[in-house]
Amino acid sequence: MAGNGQTIIDLDKKRMHAMAAKDIATLEAVLADDLIYTHSSARLDTKKSLIGGMTSGSTVYTSVEPSEVKAQDLGDTVVLTGIAQIKVVSGGTPNAFGVRFTDVYARRGGSWQMVTWQSTRLPA
């Protein structure tokens, strides 16, 4: 079914805000169990390790704000590209930076889940 682009843009914004709010219930629902999350530092996370880092406090997102997001609707898959401004405290060290990202959502069992995130840090 075409026309899913804006729905997924809105869902991804909700996911980003859930990361900053430590809304684990939303993240459990939106992130796929087989998620591959590639940070701008090239570090890889799974759903379990991403949420685990957030709940342990080793990675604390204080703000994730998307912009210039575009969607490619491929039916049961939607690919998002855009920019995000991220503020995070990782291992006790605060960081603020911008990234360009590619984000993939798949419809599974009637609901949408994020299956892949890949980001590249923007020049300062």
C-alpha atoms as a PDB file:
ATOM      1  CA  MET A   1       0.000   0.000   0.000  1.00  0.00           C
ATOM      2  CA  ALA A   2       1.439   3.351  -1.071  1.00  0.00           C
ATOM      3  CA  GLY A   3       1.123   6.535   0.945  1.00  0.00           C
ATOM      4  CA  ASN A   4       2.979   5.359   4.055  1.00  0.00           C
ATOM      5  CA  GLY A   5       5.721   7.986   3.883  1.00  0.00           C
ATOM      6  CA  GLN A   6       4.274  10.614   6.216  1.00  0.00           C
ATOM      7  CA  THR A   7       3.080   7.958   8.657  1.00  0.00           C
ATOM      8  CA  ILE A   8       6.637   6.639   8.986  1.00  0.00           C
ATOM      9  CA  ILE A   9       8.167  10.132   9.207  1.00  0.00           C
ATOM     10  CA  ASP A  10       5.811  10.778  12.127  1.00  0.00           C
ATOM     11  CA  LEU A  11       6.561   7.385  13.706  1.00  0.00           C
ATOM     12  CA  ASP A  12      10.305   7.980  13.451  1.00  0.00           C
ATOM     13  CA  LYS A  13       9.958  11.402  15.092  1.00  0.00           C
ATOM     14  CA  LYS A  14       8.048   9.673  17.907  1.00  0.00           C
ATOM     15  CA  ARG A  15      10.884   7.111  18.161  1.00  0.00           C
ATOM     16  CA  MET A  16      13.524   9.858  18.359  1.00  0.00           C
ATOM     17  CA  HIS A  17      11.593  11.677  21.069  1.00  0.00           C
ATOM     18  CA  ALA A  18      11.137   8.359  22.932  1.00  0.00           C
ATOM     19  CA  MET A  19      14.929   7.943  22.960  1.00  0.00           C
ATOM     20  CA  ALA A  20      15.360  11.359  24.609  1.00  0.00           C
ATOM     21  CA  ALA A  21      12.487  10.690  27.041  1.00  0.00           C
ATOM     22  CA  LYS A  22      13.734   7.172  27.923  1.00  0.00           C
ATOM     23  CA  ASP A  23      10.307   5.890  26.857  1.00  0.00           C
ATOM     24  CA  ILE A  24      11.328   2.242  26.781  1.00  0.00           C
ATOM     25  CA  ALA A  25       7.789   0.952  26.095  1.00  0.00           C
ATOM     26  CA  THR A  26       7.605   2.943  22.851  1.00  0.00           C
ATOM     27  CA  LEU A  27      11.095   1.798  21.846  1.00  0.00           C
ATOM     28  CA  GLU A  28      10.231  -1.854  22.555  1.00  0.00           C
ATOM     29  CA  ALA A  29       7.252  -1.533  20.184  1.00  0.00           C
ATOM     30  CA  VAL A  30       8.921   0.486  17.412  1.00  0.00           C
ATOM     31  CA  LEU A  31      12.348  -1.167  17.244  1.00  0.00           C
ATOM     32  CA  ALA A  32      12.534  -4.543  15.497  1.00  0.00           C
ATOM     33  CA  ASP A  33      14.027  -7.438  17.438  1.00  0.00           C
ATOM     34  CA  ASP A  34      16.585  -7.863  14.623  1.00  0.00           C
ATOM     35  CA  LEU A  35      17.491  -4.152  14.516  1.00  0.00           C
ATOM     36  CA  ILE A  36      20.923  -3.173  13.177  1.00  0.00           C
ATOM     37  CA  TYR A  37      21.755   0.293  14.544  1.00  0.00           C
ATOM     38  CA  THR A  38      24.990   1.780  13.197  1.00  0.00           C
ATOM     39  CA  HIS A  39      26.062   4.916  15.063  1.00  0.00           C
ATOM     40  CA  SER A  40      27.977   7.758  13.423  1.00  0.00           C
ATOM     41  CA  SER A  41      31.041   6.466  15.326  1.00  0.00           C
ATOM     42  CA  ALA A  42      30.651   3.111  13.487  1.00  0.00           C
ATOM     43  CA  ARG A  43      29.633   1.378  16.739  1.00  0.00           C
ATOM     44  CA  LEU A  44      26.954  -1.251  16.193  1.00  0.00           C
ATOM     45  CA  ASP A  45      23.977  -1.864  18.441  1.00  0.00           C
ATOM     46  CA  THR A  46      21.143  -4.353  18.463  1.00  0.00           C
ATOM     47  CA  LYS A  47      17.732  -3.555  19.921  1.00  0.00           C
ATOM     48  CA  LYS A  48      18.792  -5.200  23.176  1.00  0.00           C
ATOM     49  CA  SER A  49      22.137  -3.380  23.454  1.00  0.00           C
ATOM     50  CA  LEU A  50      20.691   0.004  22.408  1.00  0.00           C
ATOM     51  CA  ILE A  51      17.903  -0.148  24.986  1.00  0.00           C
ATOM     52  CA  GLY A  52      20.291  -1.688  27.539  1.00  0.00           C
ATOM     53  CA  GLY A  53      22.700   1.241  27.207  1.00  0.00           C
ATOM     54  CA  MET A  54      19.851   3.675  27.691  1.00  0.00           C
ATOM     55  CA  THR A  55      18.404   1.919  30.751  1.00  0.00           C
ATOM     56  CA  SER A  56      21.831   1.487  32.392  1.00  0.00           C
ATOM     57  CA  GLY A  57      22.611   5.174  31.864  1.00  0.00           C
ATOM     58  CA  SER A  58      25.800   4.523  29.862  1.00  0.00           C
ATOM     59  CA  THR A  59      24.150   6.256  26.878  1.00  0.00           C
ATOM     60  CA  VAL A  60      21.734   9.090  27.653  1.00  0.00           C
ATOM     61  CA  TYR A  61      20.069  10.854  24.741  1.00  0.00           C
ATOM     62  CA  THR A  62      18.954  14.315  25.844  1.00  0.00           C
ATOM     63  CA  SER A  63      17.669  15.454  22.452  1.00  0.00           C
ATOM     64  CA  VAL A  64      17.198  13.942  18.980  1.00  0.00           C
ATOM     65  CA  GLU A  65      15.633  16.373  16.499  1.00  0.00           C
ATOM     66  CA  PRO A  66      15.087  15.416  12.848  1.00  0.00           C
ATOM     67  CA  SER A  67      14.918  17.757   9.856  1.00  0.00           C
ATOM     68  CA  GLU A  68      14.802  17.547   6.061  1.00  0.00           C
ATOM     69  CA  VAL A  69      13.318  14.034   6.305  1.00  0.00           C
ATOM     70  CA  LYS A  70      12.234  12.425   3.045  1.00  0.00           C
ATOM     71  CA  ALA A  71      10.498   9.080   2.609  1.00  0.00           C
ATOM     72  CA  GLN A  72      10.734   6.465  -0.134  1.00  0.00           C
ATOM     73  CA  ASP A  73       7.609   4.331   0.131  1.00  0.00           C
ATOM     74  CA  LEU A  74       8.278   0.832  -1.191  1.00  0.00           C
ATOM     75  CA  GLY A  75       5.038  -0.744   0.031  1.00  0.00           C
ATOM     76  CA  ASP A  76       5.858  -2.859   3.079  1.00  0.00           C
ATOM     77  CA  THR A  77       9.164  -1.005   3.482  1.00  0.00           C
ATOM     78  CA  VAL A  78       9.798   2.712   3.885  1.00  0.00           C
ATOM     79  CA  VAL A  79      13.276   4.226   3.658  1.00  0.00           C
ATOM     80  CA  LEU A  80      13.827   7.562   5.388  1.00  0.00           C
ATOM     81  CA  THR A  81      16.724   9.927   4.789  1.00  0.00           C
ATOM     82  CA  GLY A  82      17.350  13.148   6.612  1.00  0.00           C
ATOM     83  CA  ILE A  83      19.354  15.075   9.145  1.00  0.00           C
ATOM     84  CA  ALA A  84      19.187  14.818  12.933  1.00  0.00           C
ATOM     85  CA  GLN A  85      20.698  17.001  15.627  1.00  0.00           C
ATOM     86  CA  ILE A  86      21.705  14.754  18.502  1.00  0.00           C
ATOM     87  CA  LYS A  87      22.651  15.570  22.066  1.00  0.00           C
ATOM     88  CA  VAL A  88      23.903  12.566  24.001  1.00  0.00           C
ATOM     89  CA  VAL A  89      25.964  11.744  27.069  1.00  0.00           C
ATOM     90  CA  SER A  90      27.985   8.627  26.311  1.00  0.00           C
ATOM     91  CA  GLY A  91      30.172   7.127  29.024  1.00  0.00           C
ATOM     92  CA  GLY A  92      29.795  10.348  31.001  1.00  0.00           C
ATOM     93  CA  THR A  93      30.979  12.578  28.140  1.00  0.00           C
ATOM     94  CA  PRO A  94      28.442  15.024  26.642  1.00  0.00           C
ATOM     95  CA  ASN A  95      28.347  15.357  22.853  1.00  0.00           C
ATOM     96  CA  ALA A  96      26.254  17.437  20.471  1.00  0.00           C
ATOM     97  CA  PHE A  97      26.463  16.907  16.727  1.00  0.00           C
ATOM     98  CA  GLY A  98      24.514  16.575  13.516  1.00  0.00           C
ATOM     99  CA  VAL A  99      24.169  13.452  11.399  1.00  0.00           C
ATOM    100  CA  ARG A 100      22.808  12.550   8.020  1.00  0.00           C
ATOM    101  CA  PHE A 101      20.884   9.308   8.353  1.00  0.00           C
ATOM    102  CA  THR A 102      19.251   6.489   6.469  1.00  0.00           C
ATOM    103  CA  ASP A 103      16.554   4.697   8.406  1.00  0.00           C
ATOM    104  CA  VAL A 104      14.503   1.694   7.252  1.00  0.00           C
ATOM    105  CA  TYR A 105      11.078   0.643   8.528  1.00  0.00           C
ATOM    106  CA  ALA A 106       9.309  -2.596   7.594  1.00  0.00           C
ATOM    107  CA  ARG A 107       5.676  -3.552   8.071  1.00  0.00           C
ATOM    108  CA  ARG A 108       5.576  -6.782  10.063  1.00  0.00           C
ATOM    109  CA  GLY A 109       2.391  -8.392  11.288  1.00  0.00           C
ATOM    110  CA  GLY A 110       0.425  -5.235  10.553  1.00  0.00           C
ATOM    111  CA  SER A 111       2.693  -2.845  12.459  1.00  0.00           C
ATOM    112  CA  TRP A 112       5.721  -0.807  11.440  1.00  0.00           C
ATOM    113  CA  GLN A 113       9.124  -1.364  13.008  1.00  0.00           C
ATOM    114  CA  MET A 114      12.538   0.198  12.489  1.00  0.00           C
ATOM    115  CA  VAL A 115      14.943  -2.456  11.170  1.00  0.00           C
ATOM    116  CA  THR A 116      18.014  -0.392  10.256  1.00  0.00           C
ATOM    117  CA  TRP A 117      19.642   2.916  11.210  1.00  0.00           C
ATOM    118  CA  GLN A 118      22.861   4.205   9.633  1.00  0.00           C
ATOM    119  CA  SER A 119      24.228   7.666  10.324  1.00  0.00           C
ATOM    120  CA  THR A 120      27.209   9.738   9.256  1.00  0.00           C
ATOM    121  CA  ARG A 121      28.378  12.664  11.340  1.00  0.00           C
ATOM    122  CA  LEU A 122      28.125  16.040   9.607  1.00  0.00           C
ATOM    123  CA  PRO A 123      31.164  18.315   9.575  1.00  0.00           C
ATOM    124  CA  ALA A 124      31.170  20.732  12.508  1.00  0.00           C
END
